[in-house]
Amino acid sequence: MSDVGSDEFDDERSKIGEYEGDRNEAGERHGVGKAVLPNGDKYQGRYENGVRNGKGTYRFKNGARYVGDYCQNKKHGQGSFYYPDGSQYEGSWVEDLRQGHGVYTYPNGDTYNGEWMHHMRHGQGIYHYSETGSTYKGSWVNGKMETAGEYIYSNHRYIGNFVNNNPHGQGKYVFDIGCEQHGEYHQAEQDQAEGEWGALASTPAFKWIPQCFTGLKLLTPGKDTSGGEKETASAEEGAEN
């Protein structure tokens, strides 16, 4: 939900609302004070020359709360925002927007730990799905999984490229038992299975086309393994395994 809105009211300019605290020689709010805005929101913290500047706590009438840095009446610096739905964000802000590094905890228990730009996941970050226990680690562009990334499951992981939240192109599945399946994702004509890539997945679907299967050779006592290489089987053989 949006956390930009009611705190944009400039109660100092309107000369409406209640204030208790320090003032400068010009009569402006300056120093430490607390205010009740005309719309019912409340602020307690530091002011400078009539505007919120420095550490403060802003309580919205809808139950939301921001605790952190202000600069010229805007959330700017480090701060935590607690939303009415139970979600919260802790991290960097730039002019009222989530920007820089931060951690967002969603109502369903999912978490995102990484970079933000203009309120959206953007840059390198890790998204953990609470229900399935799976994790995506990689690049984000405008809130979506894009370019290089790694999707980690309980006993295997997928490494490859992503486009619009979906795996796309060359990639590989790496299994904990020590083998890998290489292949490529192509766009399929059918709908994607629900939940395959978590809450962020969307149509169109992409079909996995296996190409080869690699497994590490077992070490046998007494044999020279200095020149050991990975075994490679056909895609059909790998699928049977």
C-alpha atoms as a PDB file:
ATOM      1  CA  MET A   1       0.000   0.000   0.000  1.00  0.00           C
ATOM      2  CA  SER A   2       1.087   3.581  -0.498  1.00  0.00           C
ATOM      3  CA  ASP A   3       2.799   5.368   2.350  1.00  0.00           C
ATOM      4  CA  VAL A   4       2.865   8.727   0.593  1.00  0.00           C
ATOM      5  CA  GLY A   5      -0.087  10.983   1.100  1.00  0.00           C
ATOM      6  CA  SER A   6      -1.336  12.378   4.361  1.00  0.00           C
ATOM      7  CA  ASP A   7       2.068  13.438   5.621  1.00  0.00           C
ATOM      8  CA  GLU A   8       2.355  15.728   2.603  1.00  0.00           C
ATOM      9  CA  PHE A   9       0.024  18.210   4.280  1.00  0.00           C
ATOM     10  CA  ASP A  10       2.060  21.207   5.361  1.00  0.00           C
ATOM     11  CA  ASP A  11       0.445  22.056   8.667  1.00  0.00           C
ATOM     12  CA  GLU A  12       2.873  24.903   9.237  1.00  0.00           C
ATOM     13  CA  ARG A  13       1.803  26.714   6.065  1.00  0.00           C
ATOM     14  CA  SER A  14      -1.892  26.221   6.682  1.00  0.00           C
ATOM     15  CA  LYS A  15      -1.549  27.431  10.286  1.00  0.00           C
ATOM     16  CA  ILE A  16      -4.037  24.727  11.243  1.00  0.00           C
ATOM     17  CA  GLY A  17      -3.443  21.952  13.745  1.00  0.00           C
ATOM     18  CA  GLU A  18      -1.942  21.639  17.194  1.00  0.00           C
ATOM     19  CA  TYR A  19       1.727  21.913  18.092  1.00  0.00           C
ATOM     20  CA  GLU A  20       3.649  21.654  21.328  1.00  0.00           C
ATOM     21  CA  GLY A  21       7.411  22.095  21.374  1.00  0.00           C
ATOM     22  CA  ASP A  22      10.406  24.258  20.584  1.00  0.00           C
ATOM     23  CA  ARG A  23      10.421  27.246  18.245  1.00  0.00           C
ATOM     24  CA  ASN A  24      13.102  29.524  16.826  1.00  0.00           C
ATOM     25  CA  GLU A  25      13.244  33.316  17.041  1.00  0.00           C
ATOM     26  CA  ALA A  26      11.030  33.604  13.984  1.00  0.00           C
ATOM     27  CA  GLY A  27       8.340  31.561  15.725  1.00  0.00           C
ATOM     28  CA  GLU A  28       8.824  28.548  13.467  1.00  0.00           C
ATOM     29  CA  ARG A  29       8.772  25.007  14.777  1.00  0.00           C
ATOM     30  CA  HIS A  30      12.395  24.313  15.482  1.00  0.00           C
ATOM     31  CA  GLY A  31      13.926  21.650  17.712  1.00  0.00           C
ATOM     32  CA  VAL A  32      11.884  18.888  19.343  1.00  0.00           C
ATOM     33  CA  GLY A  33       8.102  18.958  19.239  1.00  0.00           C
ATOM     34  CA  LYS A  34       4.900  17.069  18.642  1.00  0.00           C
ATOM     35  CA  ALA A  35       2.006  17.966  16.397  1.00  0.00           C
ATOM     36  CA  VAL A  36      -1.507  16.834  15.550  1.00  0.00           C
ATOM     37  CA  LEU A  37      -2.240  17.548  11.886  1.00  0.00           C
ATOM     38  CA  PRO A  38      -5.657  18.696  10.597  1.00  0.00           C
ATOM     39  CA  ASN A  39      -6.424  15.230   9.178  1.00  0.00           C
ATOM     40  CA  GLY A  40      -5.697  13.470  12.479  1.00  0.00           C
ATOM     41  CA  ASP A  41      -2.173  12.250  11.747  1.00  0.00           C
ATOM     42  CA  LYS A  42       0.416  12.795  14.493  1.00  0.00           C
ATOM     43  CA  TYR A  43       4.118  13.576  14.406  1.00  0.00           C
ATOM     44  CA  GLN A  44       6.662  13.637  17.206  1.00  0.00           C
ATOM     45  CA  GLY A  45      10.293  14.429  16.575  1.00  0.00           C
ATOM     46  CA  ARG A  46      12.643  17.061  15.308  1.00  0.00           C
ATOM     47  CA  TYR A  47      11.852  20.182  13.314  1.00  0.00           C
ATOM     48  CA  GLU A  48      14.090  22.677  11.575  1.00  0.00           C
ATOM     49  CA  ASN A  49      12.821  26.062  10.460  1.00  0.00           C
ATOM     50  CA  GLY A  50       9.214  24.929  10.404  1.00  0.00           C
ATOM     51  CA  VAL A  51       9.540  21.541   8.689  1.00  0.00           C
ATOM     52  CA  ARG A  52      10.160  17.979   9.841  1.00  0.00           C
ATOM     53  CA  ASN A  53      13.905  17.455   9.745  1.00  0.00           C
ATOM     54  CA  GLY A  54      15.873  14.774  11.608  1.00  0.00           C
ATOM     55  CA  LYS A  55      14.612  11.823  13.644  1.00  0.00           C
ATOM     56  CA  GLY A  56      10.894  11.488  14.123  1.00  0.00           C
ATOM     57  CA  THR A  57       7.832   9.254  14.394  1.00  0.00           C
ATOM     58  CA  TYR A  58       4.833   9.855  12.163  1.00  0.00           C
ATOM     59  CA  ARG A  59       1.573   8.060  13.017  1.00  0.00           C
ATOM     60  CA  PHE A  60      -1.097   7.901  10.327  1.00  0.00           C
ATOM     61  CA  LYS A  61      -4.746   7.846  11.317  1.00  0.00           C
ATOM     62  CA  ASN A  62      -5.174   4.579   9.364  1.00  0.00           C
ATOM     63  CA  GLY A  63      -2.760   2.818  11.750  1.00  0.00           C
ATOM     64  CA  ALA A  64       0.417   3.043   9.666  1.00  0.00           C
ATOM     65  CA  ARG A  65       3.578   4.331  11.336  1.00  0.00           C
ATOM     66  CA  TYR A  66       6.961   5.626  10.166  1.00  0.00           C
ATOM     67  CA  VAL A  67       9.974   5.820  12.473  1.00  0.00           C
ATOM     68  CA  GLY A  68      13.153   7.280  11.062  1.00  0.00           C
ATOM     69  CA  ASP A  69      14.864  10.166   9.333  1.00  0.00           C
ATOM     70  CA  TYR A  70      13.211  13.191   7.755  1.00  0.00           C
ATOM     71  CA  CYS A  71      14.599  15.889   5.503  1.00  0.00           C
ATOM     72  CA  GLN A  72      12.496  18.863   4.452  1.00  0.00           C
ATOM     73  CA  ASN A  73       9.223  17.155   5.480  1.00  0.00           C
ATOM     74  CA  LYS A  74      10.050  13.974   3.504  1.00  0.00           C
ATOM     75  CA  LYS A  75      11.171  10.516   4.595  1.00  0.00           C
ATOM     76  CA  HIS A  76      14.839  10.603   3.721  1.00  0.00           C
ATOM     77  CA  GLY A  77      17.662   8.486   5.140  1.00  0.00           C
ATOM     78  CA  GLN A  78      17.133   5.376   7.260  1.00  0.00           C
ATOM     79  CA  GLY A  79      13.696   4.484   8.551  1.00  0.00           C
ATOM     80  CA  SER A  80      11.105   1.811   9.228  1.00  0.00           C
ATOM     81  CA  PHE A  81       7.536   1.874   7.927  1.00  0.00           C
ATOM     82  CA  TYR A  82       4.856  -0.294   9.535  1.00  0.00           C
ATOM     83  CA  TYR A  83       1.758  -0.833   7.389  1.00  0.00           C
ATOM     84  CA  PRO A  84      -1.796  -1.551   8.621  1.00  0.00           C
ATOM     85  CA  ASP A  85      -1.810  -4.968   6.873  1.00  0.00           C
ATOM     86  CA  GLY A  86       1.099  -6.147   9.032  1.00  0.00           C
ATOM     87  CA  SER A  87       3.852  -5.705   6.463  1.00  0.00           C
ATOM     88  CA  GLN A  88       6.869  -3.547   7.149  1.00  0.00           C
ATOM     89  CA  TYR A  89       9.898  -2.025   5.456  1.00  0.00           C
ATOM     90  CA  GLU A  90      13.226  -1.253   7.108  1.00  0.00           C
ATOM     91  CA  GLY A  91      15.899   0.490   5.132  1.00  0.00           C
ATOM     92  CA  SER A  92      16.848   3.459   3.020  1.00  0.00           C
ATOM     93  CA  TRP A  93      14.522   6.247   1.823  1.00  0.00           C
ATOM     94  CA  VAL A  94      15.012   9.027  -0.716  1.00  0.00           C
ATOM     95  CA  GLU A  95      12.403  11.795  -0.841  1.00  0.00           C
ATOM     96  CA  ASP A  96       9.520   9.651   0.478  1.00  0.00           C
ATOM     97  CA  LEU A  97      10.424   6.627  -1.685  1.00  0.00           C
ATOM     98  CA  ARG A  98      11.996   3.284  -0.815  1.00  0.00           C
ATOM     99  CA  GLN A  99      15.389   3.594  -2.470  1.00  0.00           C
ATOM    100  CA  GLY A 100      18.746   2.008  -1.712  1.00  0.00           C
ATOM    101  CA  HIS A 101      19.045  -1.116   0.414  1.00  0.00           C
ATOM    102  CA  GLY A 102      16.139  -2.335   2.504  1.00  0.00           C
ATOM    103  CA  VAL A 103      14.237  -5.320   3.860  1.00  0.00           C
ATOM    104  CA  TYR A 104      10.504  -5.707   3.230  1.00  0.00           C
ATOM    105  CA  THR A 105       8.433  -8.256   5.139  1.00  0.00           C
ATOM    106  CA  TYR A 106       5.101  -9.030   3.486  1.00  0.00           C
ATOM    107  CA  PRO A 107       1.800  -9.962   5.220  1.00  0.00           C
ATOM    108  CA  ASN A 108       2.148 -13.632   4.176  1.00  0.00           C
ATOM    109  CA  GLY A 109       5.638 -13.885   5.697  1.00  0.00           C
ATOM    110  CA  ASP A 110       7.611 -13.505   2.449  1.00  0.00           C
ATOM    111  CA  THR A 111      10.691 -11.297   2.690  1.00  0.00           C
ATOM    112  CA  TYR A 112      12.767  -9.311   0.228  1.00  0.00           C
ATOM    113  CA  ASN A 113      16.272  -8.223   1.184  1.00  0.00           C
ATOM    114  CA  GLY A 114      18.013  -6.109  -1.411  1.00  0.00           C
ATOM    115  CA  GLU A 115      18.101  -2.959  -3.471  1.00  0.00           C
ATOM    116  CA  TRP A 116      15.200  -0.629  -4.242  1.00  0.00           C
ATOM    117  CA  MET A 117      14.543   2.166  -6.713  1.00  0.00           C
ATOM    118  CA  HIS A 118      11.447   4.411  -6.726  1.00  0.00           C
ATOM    119  CA  HIS A 119       9.516   2.104  -4.371  1.00  0.00           C
ATOM    120  CA  MET A 120      10.238  -1.042  -6.466  1.00  0.00           C
ATOM    121  CA  ARG A 121      12.657  -3.948  -6.161  1.00  0.00           C
ATOM    122  CA  HIS A 122      15.499  -2.947  -8.450  1.00  0.00           C
ATOM    123  CA  GLY A 123      19.084  -4.226  -8.502  1.00  0.00           C
ATOM    124  CA  GLN A 124      20.435  -7.231  -6.612  1.00  0.00           C
ATOM    125  CA  GLY A 125      18.167  -8.847  -4.057  1.00  0.00           C
ATOM    126  CA  ILE A 126      16.947 -12.009  -2.358  1.00  0.00           C
ATOM    127  CA  TYR A 127      13.254 -12.929  -2.184  1.00  0.00           C
ATOM    128  CA  HIS A 128      12.263 -15.720   0.210  1.00  0.00           C
ATOM    129  CA  TYR A 129       8.897 -17.473  -0.132  1.00  0.00           C
ATOM    130  CA  SER A 130       7.565 -18.353   3.309  1.00  0.00           C
ATOM    131  CA  GLU A 131       5.042 -21.004   2.227  1.00  0.00           C
ATOM    132  CA  THR A 132       7.334 -23.088   0.015  1.00  0.00           C
ATOM    133  CA  GLY A 133      10.693 -22.265   1.587  1.00  0.00           C
ATOM    134  CA  SER A 134      12.162 -21.502  -1.852  1.00  0.00           C
ATOM    135  CA  THR A 135      14.325 -18.461  -2.560  1.00  0.00           C
ATOM    136  CA  TYR A 136      15.163 -16.331  -5.571  1.00  0.00           C
ATOM    137  CA  LYS A 137      18.567 -14.665  -5.552  1.00  0.00           C
ATOM    138  CA  GLY A 138      19.588 -12.387  -8.388  1.00  0.00           C
ATOM    139  CA  SER A 139      18.749  -9.322 -10.432  1.00  0.00           C
ATOM    140  CA  TRP A 140      15.554  -7.274 -10.363  1.00  0.00           C
ATOM    141  CA  VAL A 141      14.340  -4.613 -12.770  1.00  0.00           C
ATOM    142  CA  ASN A 142      11.310  -2.465 -11.920  1.00  0.00           C
ATOM    143  CA  GLY A 143       9.974  -4.989  -9.426  1.00  0.00           C
ATOM    144  CA  LYS A 144      10.464  -8.104 -11.566  1.00  0.00           C
ATOM    145  CA  MET A 145      13.033 -10.899 -11.782  1.00  0.00           C
ATOM    146  CA  GLU A 146      15.209 -10.078 -14.783  1.00  0.00           C
ATOM    147  CA  THR A 147      18.530 -11.199 -16.327  1.00  0.00           C
ATOM    148  CA  ALA A 148      20.802 -13.467 -14.232  1.00  0.00           C
ATOM    149  CA  GLY A 149      19.361 -15.210 -11.212  1.00  0.00           C
ATOM    150  CA  GLU A 150      19.221 -18.337  -9.098  1.00  0.00           C
ATOM    151  CA  TYR A 151      16.040 -20.011  -7.844  1.00  0.00           C
ATOM    152  CA  ILE A 152      16.797 -22.214  -4.832  1.00  0.00           C
ATOM    153  CA  TYR A 153      14.609 -25.137  -3.734  1.00  0.00           C
ATOM    154  CA  SER A 154      15.017 -27.535  -0.802  1.00  0.00           C
ATOM    155  CA  ASN A 155      17.214 -30.061  -2.653  1.00  0.00           C
ATOM    156  CA  HIS A 156      18.119 -28.380  -5.949  1.00  0.00           C
ATOM    157  CA  ARG A 157      18.432 -25.001  -7.623  1.00  0.00           C
ATOM    158  CA  TYR A 158      17.983 -23.454 -11.028  1.00  0.00           C
ATOM    159  CA  ILE A 159      20.614 -21.069 -12.423  1.00  0.00           C
ATOM    160  CA  GLY A 160      19.966 -19.054 -15.552  1.00  0.00           C
ATOM    161  CA  ASN A 161      18.370 -15.989 -17.080  1.00  0.00           C
ATOM    162  CA  PHE A 162      14.953 -14.573 -16.229  1.00  0.00           C
ATOM    163  CA  VAL A 163      12.572 -12.395 -18.208  1.00  0.00           C
ATOM    164  CA  ASN A 164       9.462 -10.824 -16.667  1.00  0.00           C
ATOM    165  CA  ASN A 165       9.614 -13.109 -13.592  1.00  0.00           C
ATOM    166  CA  ASN A 166      10.040 -16.280 -15.696  1.00  0.00           C
ATOM    167  CA  PRO A 167      13.111 -18.397 -16.522  1.00  0.00           C
ATOM    168  CA  HIS A 168      14.063 -17.855 -20.148  1.00  0.00           C
ATOM    169  CA  GLY A 169      16.789 -19.183 -22.422  1.00  0.00           C
ATOM    170  CA  GLN A 170      19.832 -21.225 -21.386  1.00  0.00           C
ATOM    171  CA  GLY A 171      20.117 -22.479 -17.816  1.00  0.00           C
ATOM    172  CA  LYS A 172      20.754 -25.476 -15.631  1.00  0.00           C
ATOM    173  CA  TYR A 173      19.339 -27.372 -12.669  1.00  0.00           C
ATOM    174  CA  VAL A 174      21.907 -28.239 -10.025  1.00  0.00           C
ATOM    175  CA  PHE A 175      20.962 -31.105  -7.673  1.00  0.00           C
ATOM    176  CA  ASP A 176      22.366 -31.600  -4.194  1.00  0.00           C
ATOM    177  CA  ILE A 177      23.414 -35.176  -5.046  1.00  0.00           C
ATOM    178  CA  GLY A 178      26.122 -33.733  -7.307  1.00  0.00           C
ATOM    179  CA  CYS A 179      24.644 -33.756 -10.800  1.00  0.00           C
ATOM    180  CA  GLU A 180      23.352 -31.128 -13.196  1.00  0.00           C
ATOM    181  CA  GLN A 181      20.812 -30.976 -15.993  1.00  0.00           C
ATOM    182  CA  HIS A 182      21.502 -28.380 -18.679  1.00  0.00           C
ATOM    183  CA  GLY A 183      18.860 -27.098 -21.017  1.00  0.00           C
ATOM    184  CA  GLU A 184      16.829 -24.174 -22.233  1.00  0.00           C
ATOM    185  CA  TYR A 185      13.459 -22.597 -21.494  1.00  0.00           C
ATOM    186  CA  HIS A 186      11.187 -21.837 -24.442  1.00  0.00           C
ATOM    187  CA  GLN A 187       7.858 -20.078 -24.356  1.00  0.00           C
ATOM    188  CA  ALA A 188       5.001 -22.599 -24.312  1.00  0.00           C
ATOM    189  CA  GLU A 189       1.522 -22.155 -25.703  1.00  0.00           C
ATOM    190  CA  GLN A 190      -0.210 -23.532 -22.623  1.00  0.00           C
ATOM    191  CA  ASP A 191      -0.767 -21.705 -19.342  1.00  0.00           C
ATOM    192  CA  GLN A 192       1.876 -22.013 -16.677  1.00  0.00           C
ATOM    193  CA  ALA A 193       1.157 -24.312 -13.743  1.00  0.00           C
ATOM    194  CA  GLU A 194      -0.068 -22.249 -10.821  1.00  0.00           C
ATOM    195  CA  GLY A 195       2.580 -21.639  -8.180  1.00  0.00           C
ATOM    196  CA  GLU A 196       5.456 -23.114 -10.175  1.00  0.00           C
ATOM    197  CA  TRP A 197       7.542 -20.008  -9.711  1.00  0.00           C
ATOM    198  CA  GLY A 198       5.804 -18.647  -6.624  1.00  0.00           C
ATOM    199  CA  ALA A 199       3.560 -15.635  -6.220  1.00  0.00           C
ATOM    200  CA  LEU A 200       5.526 -13.600  -8.742  1.00  0.00           C
ATOM    201  CA  ALA A 201       5.013 -16.031 -11.632  1.00  0.00           C
ATOM    202  CA  SER A 202       2.811 -14.993 -14.551  1.00  0.00           C
ATOM    203  CA  THR A 203       1.767 -16.198 -17.998  1.00  0.00           C
ATOM    204  CA  PRO A 204       2.902 -16.859 -20.665  1.00  0.00           C
ATOM    205  CA  ALA A 205       4.479 -20.154 -19.595  1.00  0.00           C
ATOM    206  CA  PHE A 206       7.967 -21.324 -20.481  1.00  0.00           C
ATOM    207  CA  LYS A 207       8.711 -24.994 -21.178  1.00  0.00           C
ATOM    208  CA  TRP A 208      11.970 -26.613 -20.074  1.00  0.00           C
ATOM    209  CA  ILE A 209      13.826 -28.399 -22.894  1.00  0.00           C
ATOM    210  CA  PRO A 210      16.633 -30.591 -21.434  1.00  0.00           C
ATOM    211  CA  GLN A 211      19.831 -30.891 -23.469  1.00  0.00           C
ATOM    212  CA  CYS A 212      22.315 -32.882 -21.420  1.00  0.00           C
ATOM    213  CA  PHE A 213      22.806 -34.387 -17.987  1.00  0.00           C
ATOM    214  CA  THR A 214      26.134 -34.295 -16.164  1.00  0.00           C
ATOM    215  CA  GLY A 215      27.208 -36.219 -13.080  1.00  0.00           C
ATOM    216  CA  LEU A 216      30.454 -36.466 -11.177  1.00  0.00           C
ATOM    217  CA  LYS A 217      32.363 -39.758 -11.535  1.00  0.00           C
ATOM    218  CA  LEU A 218      32.558 -41.873  -8.432  1.00  0.00           C
ATOM    219  CA  LEU A 219      36.084 -42.208  -7.031  1.00  0.00           C
ATOM    220  CA  THR A 220      37.310 -45.826  -6.928  1.00  0.00           C
ATOM    221  CA  PRO A 221      40.197 -46.683  -4.543  1.00  0.00           C
ATOM    222  CA  GLY A 222      43.411 -47.576  -6.384  1.00  0.00           C
ATOM    223  CA  LYS A 223      42.446 -45.837  -9.651  1.00  0.00           C
ATOM    224  CA  ASP A 224      44.147 -42.765 -11.049  1.00  0.00           C
ATOM    225  CA  THR A 225      41.581 -39.926 -10.902  1.00  0.00           C
ATOM    226  CA  SER A 226      43.915 -37.099 -11.879  1.00  0.00           C
ATOM    227  CA  GLY A 227      42.331 -36.861 -15.309  1.00  0.00           C
ATOM    228  CA  GLY A 228      38.779 -37.494 -14.153  1.00  0.00           C
ATOM    229  CA  GLU A 229      36.070 -35.613 -16.002  1.00  0.00           C
ATOM    230  CA  LYS A 230      32.309 -35.285 -15.675  1.00  0.00           C
ATOM    231  CA  GLU A 231      30.186 -37.911 -17.375  1.00  0.00           C
ATOM    232  CA  THR A 232      27.766 -36.612 -19.950  1.00  0.00           C
ATOM    233  CA  ALA A 233      24.610 -38.340 -21.079  1.00  0.00           C
ATOM    234  CA  SER A 234      21.931 -37.447 -23.565  1.00  0.00           C
ATOM    235  CA  ALA A 235      18.931 -35.431 -22.519  1.00  0.00           C
ATOM    236  CA  GLU A 236      16.755 -38.541 -22.887  1.00  0.00           C
ATOM    237  CA  GLU A 237      19.009 -40.584 -20.606  1.00  0.00           C
ATOM    238  CA  GLY A 238      19.080 -37.770 -18.048  1.00  0.00           C
ATOM    239  CA  ALA A 239      15.303 -37.571 -18.055  1.00  0.00           C
ATOM    240  CA  GLU A 240      15.068 -41.316 -17.274  1.00  0.00           C
ATOM    241  CA  ASN A 241      17.301 -40.795 -14.230  1.00  0.00           C
END
